[in-house]
Amino acid sequence: MPWYQRWLKFLGEVKAELRRTTWPSRVEVRNTTVVVIVTLFIFAAFLGVVDLALGTLLNRLLLYFTR
């Protein structure tokens, strides 16, 4: 089978698969996007607090042991 026939067969299979795909609605996409963004901010805030706490603790330990 020549390469161009394999390529055409592949494209036909892709087209058939895309017809069977169920796409999310605009509302579903918007809602899941909001969930992802809110989750991102929650994790960023948590990691920021942990970073601040560990940095402060490390600075205090270094100051304690360098006196």
C-alpha atoms as a PDB file:
ATOM      1  CA  MET A   1       0.000   0.000   0.000  1.00  0.00           C
ATOM      2  CA  PRO A   2       1.565   3.321  -1.045  1.00  0.00           C
ATOM      3  CA  TRP A   3       2.133   6.034   1.532  1.00  0.00           C
ATOM      4  CA  TYR A   4      -0.573   8.338   0.182  1.00  0.00           C
ATOM      5  CA  GLN A   5      -3.240   5.621   0.493  1.00  0.00           C
ATOM      6  CA  ARG A   6      -2.202   4.998   4.111  1.00  0.00           C
ATOM      7  CA  TRP A   7      -2.366   8.756   4.704  1.00  0.00           C
ATOM      8  CA  LEU A   8      -5.875   9.011   3.190  1.00  0.00           C
ATOM      9  CA  LYS A   9      -7.014   6.012   5.257  1.00  0.00           C
ATOM     10  CA  PHE A  10      -5.641   7.653   8.399  1.00  0.00           C
ATOM     11  CA  LEU A  11      -7.416  10.932   7.634  1.00  0.00           C
ATOM     12  CA  GLY A  12     -10.678   9.055   7.014  1.00  0.00           C
ATOM     13  CA  GLU A  13     -10.346   7.305  10.382  1.00  0.00           C
ATOM     14  CA  VAL A  14      -9.653  10.622  12.102  1.00  0.00           C
ATOM     15  CA  LYS A  15     -12.733  12.157  10.511  1.00  0.00           C
ATOM     16  CA  ALA A  16     -14.887   9.176  11.582  1.00  0.00           C
ATOM     17  CA  GLU A  17     -13.550   9.375  15.138  1.00  0.00           C
ATOM     18  CA  LEU A  18     -14.273  13.095  15.357  1.00  0.00           C
ATOM     19  CA  ARG A  19     -17.884  12.435  14.347  1.00  0.00           C
ATOM     20  CA  ARG A  20     -18.258   9.991  17.272  1.00  0.00           C
ATOM     21  CA  THR A  21     -16.741  12.434  19.778  1.00  0.00           C
ATOM     22  CA  THR A  22     -19.096  14.112  22.223  1.00  0.00           C
ATOM     23  CA  TRP A  23     -18.001  17.697  22.737  1.00  0.00           C
ATOM     24  CA  PRO A  24     -18.692  19.594  25.964  1.00  0.00           C
ATOM     25  CA  SER A  25     -21.122  22.482  25.861  1.00  0.00           C
ATOM     26  CA  ARG A  26     -19.988  26.079  26.266  1.00  0.00           C
ATOM     27  CA  VAL A  27     -21.430  26.123  29.814  1.00  0.00           C
ATOM     28  CA  GLU A  28     -19.520  22.962  30.790  1.00  0.00           C
ATOM     29  CA  VAL A  29     -16.272  24.393  29.454  1.00  0.00           C
ATOM     30  CA  ARG A  30     -16.826  27.683  31.293  1.00  0.00           C
ATOM     31  CA  ASN A  31     -17.667  25.919  34.568  1.00  0.00           C
ATOM     32  CA  THR A  32     -14.666  23.596  34.478  1.00  0.00           C
ATOM     33  CA  THR A  33     -12.411  26.531  33.564  1.00  0.00           C
ATOM     34  CA  VAL A  34     -13.654  28.454  36.606  1.00  0.00           C
ATOM     35  CA  VAL A  35     -13.017  25.413  38.818  1.00  0.00           C
ATOM     36  CA  VAL A  36      -9.464  25.091  37.494  1.00  0.00           C
ATOM     37  CA  ILE A  37      -8.707  28.797  38.009  1.00  0.00           C
ATOM     38  CA  VAL A  38     -10.140  28.836  41.557  1.00  0.00           C
ATOM     39  CA  THR A  39      -8.191  25.681  42.431  1.00  0.00           C
ATOM     40  CA  LEU A  40      -5.042  27.258  41.025  1.00  0.00           C
ATOM     41  CA  PHE A  41      -5.441  30.320  43.266  1.00  0.00           C
ATOM     42  CA  ILE A  42      -6.144  28.157  46.331  1.00  0.00           C
ATOM     43  CA  PHE A  43      -2.999  26.088  45.777  1.00  0.00           C
ATOM     44  CA  ALA A  44      -0.934  29.213  45.029  1.00  0.00           C
ATOM     45  CA  ALA A  45      -2.092  30.815  48.279  1.00  0.00           C
ATOM     46  CA  PHE A  46      -1.391  27.637  50.245  1.00  0.00           C
ATOM     47  CA  LEU A  47       2.085  27.243  48.786  1.00  0.00           C
ATOM     48  CA  GLY A  48       2.786  30.936  49.371  1.00  0.00           C
ATOM     49  CA  VAL A  49       1.876  30.593  53.061  1.00  0.00           C
ATOM     50  CA  VAL A  50       3.967  27.426  53.419  1.00  0.00           C
ATOM     51  CA  ASP A  51       6.923  29.112  51.684  1.00  0.00           C
ATOM     52  CA  LEU A  52       6.651  32.155  53.948  1.00  0.00           C
ATOM     53  CA  ALA A  53       6.413  30.010  57.089  1.00  0.00           C
ATOM     54  CA  LEU A  54       9.347  27.772  56.156  1.00  0.00           C
ATOM     55  CA  GLY A  55      11.461  30.774  55.129  1.00  0.00           C
ATOM     56  CA  THR A  56      10.764  32.522  58.431  1.00  0.00           C
ATOM     57  CA  LEU A  57      11.531  29.348  60.385  1.00  0.00           C
ATOM     58  CA  LEU A  58      14.790  28.812  58.513  1.00  0.00           C
ATOM     59  CA  ASN A  59      15.867  32.425  59.060  1.00  0.00           C
ATOM     60  CA  ARG A  60      15.163  32.167  62.789  1.00  0.00           C
ATOM     61  CA  LEU A  61      17.112  28.907  63.024  1.00  0.00           C
ATOM     62  CA  LEU A  62      20.068  30.393  61.171  1.00  0.00           C
ATOM     63  CA  LEU A  63      20.052  33.490  63.374  1.00  0.00           C
ATOM     64  CA  TYR A  64      19.847  31.317  66.499  1.00  0.00           C
ATOM     65  CA  PHE A  65      22.818  29.136  65.542  1.00  0.00           C
ATOM     66  CA  THR A  66      25.019  31.956  64.199  1.00  0.00           C
ATOM     67  CA  ARG A  67      24.996  34.001  67.411  1.00  0.00           C
END
